């Protein structure tokens, strides 16, 4: 059975300025979720699909950002189902959890973008490795 939580190996070699910028874009493109439905997944997916073949660092960071945003989306979906399933009473729990998740998501996304811009392969502390 595959371990879904262990991080993949970091990208090897020197990272060019262009790779660092695209790596940062892979993380920051998740902020499209504020404007476009499912944008937090679509943004990293588009960056990863465009540059994964030619830039190993972007391949690594794009997958990392994509996996993190898929996981966050699954958690949000679970919170919505819990709220609806309890006819709104669960909102007493799910709204504070959703706000906390949103803050953690934003902080980790910004931290990842900064590290990627420095040429460091960032690993989110909690992440499901669904896209390999």
N, C-alpha and C. Protein backbone atom coordinates (compact mmCIF):
# COMPACT_ATOMS: atom_id res chain seq x y z
N UNK A 1 0.84 -1.19 0.00
CA UNK A 1 0.00 0.00 0.00
C UNK A 1 0.88 1.24 0.00
N UNK A 2 0.49 2.22 -0.75
CA UNK A 2 1.25 3.46 -0.88
C UNK A 2 0.98 4.38 0.31
N UNK A 3 2.05 4.96 0.83
CA UNK A 3 1.92 5.92 1.92
C UNK A 3 1.51 7.27 1.33
N UNK A 4 0.33 7.75 1.70
CA UNK A 4 -0.19 8.98 1.12
C UNK A 4 0.30 10.24 1.81
N UNK A 5 1.01 10.10 2.92
CA UNK A 5 1.40 11.30 3.66
C UNK A 5 2.89 11.60 3.60
N UNK A 6 3.74 10.65 3.21
CA UNK A 6 5.16 10.94 3.17
C UNK A 6 5.50 11.79 1.95
N UNK A 7 6.37 12.78 2.12
CA UNK A 7 6.66 13.68 1.01
C UNK A 7 7.52 13.00 -0.05
N UNK A 8 7.37 13.42 -1.30
CA UNK A 8 8.23 12.89 -2.36
C UNK A 8 9.61 13.49 -2.20
N UNK A 9 10.62 12.90 -2.82
CA UNK A 9 11.96 13.48 -2.72
C UNK A 9 12.00 14.87 -3.35
N UNK A 10 12.83 15.72 -2.79
CA UNK A 10 12.95 17.09 -3.29
C UNK A 10 13.61 17.10 -4.66
N UNK A 11 13.29 18.11 -5.45
CA UNK A 11 13.90 18.26 -6.77
C UNK A 11 15.39 18.53 -6.60
N UNK A 12 16.20 17.89 -7.44
CA UNK A 12 17.65 18.01 -7.31
C UNK A 12 18.19 19.04 -8.30
N UNK A 13 19.37 19.56 -8.00
CA UNK A 13 20.05 20.47 -8.93
C UNK A 13 19.79 21.93 -8.62
N UNK A 14 20.53 22.76 -9.33
CA UNK A 14 20.37 24.21 -9.17
C UNK A 14 19.05 24.66 -9.79
N UNK A 15 18.43 25.61 -9.14
CA UNK A 15 17.12 26.10 -9.58
C UNK A 15 17.31 27.47 -10.21
N UNK A 16 16.90 27.61 -11.47
CA UNK A 16 17.04 28.89 -12.17
C UNK A 16 16.00 29.89 -11.66
N UNK A 17 16.23 31.15 -11.99
CA UNK A 17 15.31 32.21 -11.58
C UNK A 17 13.92 31.98 -12.19
N UNK A 18 13.89 31.52 -13.43
CA UNK A 18 12.61 31.26 -14.08
C UNK A 18 11.87 30.11 -13.39
N UNK A 19 12.59 29.06 -13.01
CA UNK A 19 11.96 27.95 -12.29
C UNK A 19 11.43 28.41 -10.93
N UNK A 20 12.20 29.26 -10.26
CA UNK A 20 11.75 29.78 -8.96
C UNK A 20 10.46 30.57 -9.12
N UNK A 21 10.39 31.40 -10.17
CA UNK A 21 9.17 32.20 -10.39
C UNK A 21 7.97 31.31 -10.71
N UNK A 22 8.16 30.31 -11.55
CA UNK A 22 7.06 29.40 -11.87
C UNK A 22 6.68 28.55 -10.65
N UNK A 23 7.67 28.18 -9.85
CA UNK A 23 7.37 27.44 -8.61
C UNK A 23 6.54 28.28 -7.66
N UNK A 24 6.90 29.55 -7.54
CA UNK A 24 6.13 30.47 -6.71
C UNK A 24 4.72 30.63 -7.29
N UNK A 25 4.62 30.72 -8.60
CA UNK A 25 3.31 30.86 -9.25
C UNK A 25 2.43 29.64 -9.00
N UNK A 26 3.05 28.46 -8.92
CA UNK A 26 2.28 27.25 -8.65
C UNK A 26 1.56 27.35 -7.31
N UNK A 27 2.23 27.94 -6.33
CA UNK A 27 1.62 28.10 -5.00
C UNK A 27 0.64 29.27 -4.98
N UNK A 28 1.05 30.42 -5.51
CA UNK A 28 0.20 31.61 -5.45
C UNK A 28 -1.03 31.51 -6.34
N UNK A 29 -0.97 30.67 -7.37
CA UNK A 29 -2.14 30.52 -8.25
C UNK A 29 -3.33 29.93 -7.50
N UNK A 30 -3.08 29.32 -6.36
CA UNK A 30 -4.18 28.80 -5.54
C UNK A 30 -5.07 29.93 -5.02
N UNK A 31 -4.55 31.14 -4.97
CA UNK A 31 -5.35 32.28 -4.52
C UNK A 31 -6.47 32.61 -5.51
N UNK A 32 -6.42 32.00 -6.69
CA UNK A 32 -7.51 32.18 -7.67
C UNK A 32 -8.83 31.65 -7.10
N UNK A 33 -8.74 30.84 -6.06
CA UNK A 33 -9.95 30.32 -5.41
C UNK A 33 -10.80 31.41 -4.80
N UNK A 34 -10.22 32.58 -4.57
CA UNK A 34 -11.01 33.70 -4.06
C UNK A 34 -11.90 34.29 -5.14
N UNK A 35 -11.57 34.03 -6.42
CA UNK A 35 -12.30 34.63 -7.55
C UNK A 35 -13.09 33.60 -8.34
N UNK A 36 -12.47 32.45 -8.57
CA UNK A 36 -13.04 31.42 -9.44
C UNK A 36 -13.39 30.18 -8.61
N UNK A 37 -14.59 29.63 -8.78
CA UNK A 37 -14.90 28.37 -8.09
C UNK A 37 -13.87 27.30 -8.47
N UNK A 38 -13.39 26.58 -7.50
CA UNK A 38 -12.36 25.54 -7.66
C UNK A 38 -11.04 26.10 -8.15
N UNK A 39 -10.87 27.41 -8.09
CA UNK A 39 -9.64 28.05 -8.55
C UNK A 39 -8.43 27.66 -7.73
N UNK A 40 -8.62 27.30 -6.48
CA UNK A 40 -7.48 26.92 -5.65
C UNK A 40 -6.88 25.60 -6.11
N UNK A 41 -7.64 24.79 -6.81
CA UNK A 41 -7.11 23.56 -7.40
C UNK A 41 -6.73 23.79 -8.86
N UNK A 42 -7.55 24.54 -9.58
CA UNK A 42 -7.29 24.76 -11.00
C UNK A 42 -6.01 25.57 -11.25
N UNK A 43 -5.73 26.56 -10.41
CA UNK A 43 -4.53 27.38 -10.59
C UNK A 43 -3.25 26.54 -10.55
N UNK A 44 -3.00 25.81 -9.44
CA UNK A 44 -1.80 24.97 -9.41
C UNK A 44 -1.79 23.88 -10.49
N UNK A 45 -2.98 23.36 -10.82
CA UNK A 45 -3.06 22.33 -11.85
C UNK A 45 -2.60 22.87 -13.20
N UNK A 46 -3.04 24.06 -13.56
CA UNK A 46 -2.66 24.66 -14.84
C UNK A 46 -1.16 24.92 -14.89
N UNK A 47 -0.61 25.51 -13.83
CA UNK A 47 0.83 25.80 -13.80
C UNK A 47 1.62 24.49 -13.90
N UNK A 48 1.21 23.50 -13.14
CA UNK A 48 1.91 22.21 -13.15
C UNK A 48 1.85 21.56 -14.53
N UNK A 49 0.67 21.54 -15.14
CA UNK A 49 0.53 20.90 -16.46
C UNK A 49 1.34 21.61 -17.54
N UNK A 50 1.44 22.93 -17.45
CA UNK A 50 2.16 23.70 -18.46
C UNK A 50 3.68 23.48 -18.36
N UNK A 51 4.21 23.43 -17.15
CA UNK A 51 5.67 23.47 -16.97
C UNK A 51 6.29 22.18 -16.42
N UNK A 52 5.51 21.15 -16.15
CA UNK A 52 6.06 19.96 -15.49
C UNK A 52 7.12 19.23 -16.30
N UNK A 53 7.01 19.25 -17.61
CA UNK A 53 7.96 18.51 -18.46
C UNK A 53 9.32 19.21 -18.58
N UNK A 54 9.31 20.53 -18.59
CA UNK A 54 10.55 21.24 -18.85
C UNK A 54 11.26 21.76 -17.60
N UNK A 55 10.57 21.80 -16.45
CA UNK A 55 11.17 22.34 -15.23
C UNK A 55 10.92 21.39 -14.06
N UNK A 56 11.94 20.63 -13.64
CA UNK A 56 11.75 19.67 -12.55
C UNK A 56 11.30 20.33 -11.23
N UNK A 57 11.81 21.52 -10.95
CA UNK A 57 11.42 22.21 -9.72
C UNK A 57 9.94 22.57 -9.74
N UNK A 58 9.45 23.02 -10.88
CA UNK A 58 8.03 23.37 -11.01
C UNK A 58 7.18 22.11 -10.96
N UNK A 59 7.66 21.01 -11.52
CA UNK A 59 6.96 19.74 -11.42
C UNK A 59 6.78 19.36 -9.96
N UNK A 60 7.85 19.48 -9.18
CA UNK A 60 7.81 19.15 -7.75
C UNK A 60 6.88 20.08 -6.98
N UNK A 61 7.06 21.39 -7.15
CA UNK A 61 6.26 22.35 -6.38
C UNK A 61 4.81 22.42 -6.86
N UNK A 62 4.59 22.21 -8.14
CA UNK A 62 3.22 22.18 -8.66
C UNK A 62 2.43 21.02 -8.07
N UNK A 63 3.05 19.85 -8.00
CA UNK A 63 2.38 18.69 -7.38
C UNK A 63 2.12 18.94 -5.90
N UNK A 64 3.08 19.55 -5.24
CA UNK A 64 2.93 19.83 -3.81
C UNK A 64 1.76 20.78 -3.58
N UNK A 65 1.69 21.86 -4.36
CA UNK A 65 0.60 22.83 -4.23
C UNK A 65 -0.73 22.20 -4.61
N UNK A 66 -0.75 21.42 -5.67
CA UNK A 66 -1.98 20.76 -6.11
C UNK A 66 -2.49 19.80 -5.04
N UNK A 67 -1.62 18.99 -4.51
CA UNK A 67 -2.03 18.04 -3.46
C UNK A 67 -2.57 18.76 -2.22
N UNK A 68 -1.89 19.82 -1.82
CA UNK A 68 -2.34 20.56 -0.63
C UNK A 68 -3.72 21.17 -0.84
N UNK A 69 -3.95 21.72 -2.02
CA UNK A 69 -5.24 22.37 -2.29
C UNK A 69 -6.36 21.35 -2.50
N UNK A 70 -6.03 20.18 -3.04
CA UNK A 70 -7.03 19.11 -3.11
C UNK A 70 -7.42 18.69 -1.70
N UNK A 71 -6.42 18.51 -0.83
CA UNK A 71 -6.71 18.12 0.55
C UNK A 71 -7.56 19.18 1.26
N UNK A 72 -7.23 20.44 1.08
CA UNK A 72 -8.01 21.51 1.70
C UNK A 72 -9.44 21.50 1.17
N UNK A 73 -9.61 21.26 -0.12
CA UNK A 73 -10.94 21.18 -0.71
C UNK A 73 -11.75 20.02 -0.14
N UNK A 74 -11.10 18.90 0.08
CA UNK A 74 -11.79 17.73 0.67
C UNK A 74 -12.25 18.06 2.08
N UNK A 75 -11.41 18.75 2.84
CA UNK A 75 -11.79 19.13 4.21
C UNK A 75 -12.97 20.10 4.18
N UNK A 76 -12.92 21.09 3.29
CA UNK A 76 -14.03 22.05 3.17
C UNK A 76 -15.32 21.33 2.79
N UNK A 77 -15.24 20.40 1.86
CA UNK A 77 -16.41 19.62 1.47
C UNK A 77 -16.96 18.84 2.65
N UNK A 78 -16.08 18.27 3.45
CA UNK A 78 -16.51 17.56 4.65
C UNK A 78 -17.21 18.48 5.64
N UNK A 79 -16.69 19.69 5.81
CA UNK A 79 -17.33 20.65 6.72
C UNK A 79 -18.71 21.06 6.21
N UNK A 80 -18.83 21.22 4.90
CA UNK A 80 -20.14 21.57 4.32
C UNK A 80 -21.13 20.44 4.51
N UNK A 81 -20.70 19.21 4.27
CA UNK A 81 -21.57 18.05 4.45
C UNK A 81 -22.00 17.93 5.91
N UNK A 82 -21.09 18.17 6.83
CA UNK A 82 -21.43 18.12 8.26
C UNK A 82 -22.44 19.21 8.61
N UNK A 83 -22.28 20.38 8.07
CA UNK A 83 -23.21 21.47 8.34
C UNK A 83 -24.60 21.15 7.80
N UNK A 84 -24.66 20.72 6.55
CA UNK A 84 -25.95 20.41 5.92
C UNK A 84 -26.58 19.19 6.58
N UNK A 85 -25.77 18.19 6.90
CA UNK A 85 -26.27 16.96 7.50
C UNK A 85 -26.86 17.15 8.88
N UNK A 86 -26.44 18.20 9.56
CA UNK A 86 -26.99 18.48 10.89
C UNK A 86 -28.01 19.63 10.84
N UNK A 87 -28.48 19.92 9.63
CA UNK A 87 -29.48 20.98 9.41
C UNK A 87 -29.03 22.32 9.97
N UNK A 88 -27.73 22.60 9.85
CA UNK A 88 -27.19 23.88 10.26
C UNK A 88 -26.66 23.94 11.68
N UNK A 89 -27.05 22.99 12.51
CA UNK A 89 -26.58 23.01 13.90
C UNK A 89 -25.08 22.78 13.97
N UNK A 90 -24.56 21.98 13.04
CA UNK A 90 -23.13 21.72 13.00
C UNK A 90 -22.31 22.95 12.68
N UNK A 91 -22.96 24.00 12.22
CA UNK A 91 -22.25 25.24 11.90
C UNK A 91 -21.57 25.82 13.13
N UNK A 92 -22.09 25.50 14.30
CA UNK A 92 -21.43 25.95 15.53
C UNK A 92 -20.00 25.43 15.60
N UNK A 93 -19.77 24.29 15.02
CA UNK A 93 -18.43 23.70 14.98
C UNK A 93 -17.73 23.98 13.65
N UNK A 94 -18.46 23.86 12.56
CA UNK A 94 -17.82 23.93 11.25
C UNK A 94 -17.39 25.34 10.84
N UNK A 95 -18.12 26.34 11.26
CA UNK A 95 -17.72 27.71 10.89
C UNK A 95 -16.39 28.09 11.53
N UNK A 96 -16.21 27.91 12.85
CA UNK A 96 -14.88 28.22 13.41
C UNK A 96 -13.77 27.35 12.81
N UNK A 97 -14.06 26.08 12.55
CA UNK A 97 -13.06 25.22 11.92
C UNK A 97 -12.75 25.69 10.50
N UNK A 98 -13.77 26.13 9.77
CA UNK A 98 -13.56 26.64 8.42
C UNK A 98 -12.72 27.90 8.41
N UNK A 99 -12.97 28.79 9.35
CA UNK A 99 -12.17 30.02 9.46
C UNK A 99 -10.72 29.68 9.79
N UNK A 100 -10.51 28.76 10.74
CA UNK A 100 -9.16 28.34 11.10
C UNK A 100 -8.46 27.69 9.91
N UNK A 101 -9.18 26.84 9.20
CA UNK A 101 -8.62 26.19 8.01
C UNK A 101 -8.23 27.24 6.97
N UNK A 102 -9.08 28.23 6.76
CA UNK A 102 -8.78 29.27 5.79
C UNK A 102 -7.53 30.05 6.14
N UNK A 103 -7.35 30.37 7.41
CA UNK A 103 -6.15 31.09 7.84
C UNK A 103 -4.90 30.24 7.68
N UNK A 104 -4.99 28.98 8.10
CA UNK A 104 -3.85 28.07 7.97
C UNK A 104 -3.50 27.88 6.49
N UNK A 105 -4.52 27.72 5.66
CA UNK A 105 -4.31 27.55 4.22
C UNK A 105 -3.58 28.76 3.65
N UNK A 106 -4.04 29.96 3.99
CA UNK A 106 -3.44 31.18 3.47
C UNK A 106 -1.99 31.33 3.94
N UNK A 107 -1.74 31.08 5.21
CA UNK A 107 -0.38 31.20 5.76
C UNK A 107 0.56 30.20 5.09
N UNK A 108 0.13 28.93 4.98
CA UNK A 108 0.98 27.92 4.35
C UNK A 108 1.22 28.22 2.87
N UNK A 109 0.20 28.73 2.19
CA UNK A 109 0.36 29.06 0.77
C UNK A 109 1.38 30.18 0.59
N UNK A 110 1.33 31.19 1.41
CA UNK A 110 2.29 32.30 1.33
C UNK A 110 3.69 31.82 1.70
N UNK A 111 3.80 31.01 2.75
CA UNK A 111 5.11 30.47 3.14
C UNK A 111 5.71 29.63 2.01
N UNK A 112 4.87 28.80 1.37
CA UNK A 112 5.34 27.96 0.28
C UNK A 112 5.82 28.80 -0.90
N UNK A 113 5.08 29.86 -1.21
CA UNK A 113 5.47 30.74 -2.33
C UNK A 113 6.80 31.41 -2.05
N UNK A 114 6.99 31.86 -0.83
CA UNK A 114 8.25 32.51 -0.46
C UNK A 114 9.42 31.53 -0.58
N UNK A 115 9.24 30.32 -0.05
CA UNK A 115 10.30 29.32 -0.12
C UNK A 115 10.60 28.92 -1.57
N UNK A 116 9.54 28.76 -2.38
CA UNK A 116 9.75 28.41 -3.78
C UNK A 116 10.51 29.52 -4.50
N UNK A 117 10.22 30.76 -4.18
CA UNK A 117 10.93 31.89 -4.78
C UNK A 117 12.40 31.91 -4.37
N UNK A 118 12.70 31.33 -3.22
CA UNK A 118 14.10 31.22 -2.77
C UNK A 118 14.79 30.00 -3.38
N UNK A 119 14.03 29.17 -4.11
CA UNK A 119 14.60 27.97 -4.72
C UNK A 119 14.60 26.76 -3.81
N UNK A 120 13.84 26.83 -2.71
CA UNK A 120 13.75 25.74 -1.74
C UNK A 120 12.48 24.94 -2.02
N UNK A 121 12.63 23.61 -2.08
CA UNK A 121 11.46 22.75 -2.27
C UNK A 121 10.66 22.72 -0.98
N UNK A 122 9.52 23.41 -0.97
CA UNK A 122 8.70 23.50 0.23
C UNK A 122 7.81 22.27 0.36
N UNK A 123 7.69 21.76 1.56
CA UNK A 123 6.78 20.66 1.87
C UNK A 123 5.77 21.15 2.90
N UNK A 124 4.48 21.07 2.54
CA UNK A 124 3.43 21.45 3.48
C UNK A 124 3.47 20.47 4.65
N UNK A 125 3.30 20.98 5.89
CA UNK A 125 3.39 20.09 7.05
C UNK A 125 2.34 18.97 7.04
N UNK A 126 1.16 19.25 6.51
CA UNK A 126 0.11 18.25 6.42
C UNK A 126 -0.34 18.22 4.97
N UNK A 127 -0.19 17.06 4.33
CA UNK A 127 -0.53 16.99 2.92
C UNK A 127 -0.79 15.55 2.51
N UNK A 128 -1.83 15.33 1.74
CA UNK A 128 -2.05 14.03 1.12
C UNK A 128 -1.36 14.02 -0.22
N UNK A 129 -0.61 12.99 -0.49
CA UNK A 129 0.12 12.89 -1.75
C UNK A 129 -0.74 12.10 -2.74
N UNK A 130 -1.72 12.76 -3.33
CA UNK A 130 -2.63 12.10 -4.26
C UNK A 130 -2.09 12.13 -5.68
N UNK A 131 -1.49 13.24 -6.09
CA UNK A 131 -0.89 13.37 -7.41
C UNK A 131 0.59 13.07 -7.26
N UNK A 132 1.05 12.08 -8.00
CA UNK A 132 2.46 11.67 -7.84
C UNK A 132 3.29 12.11 -8.99
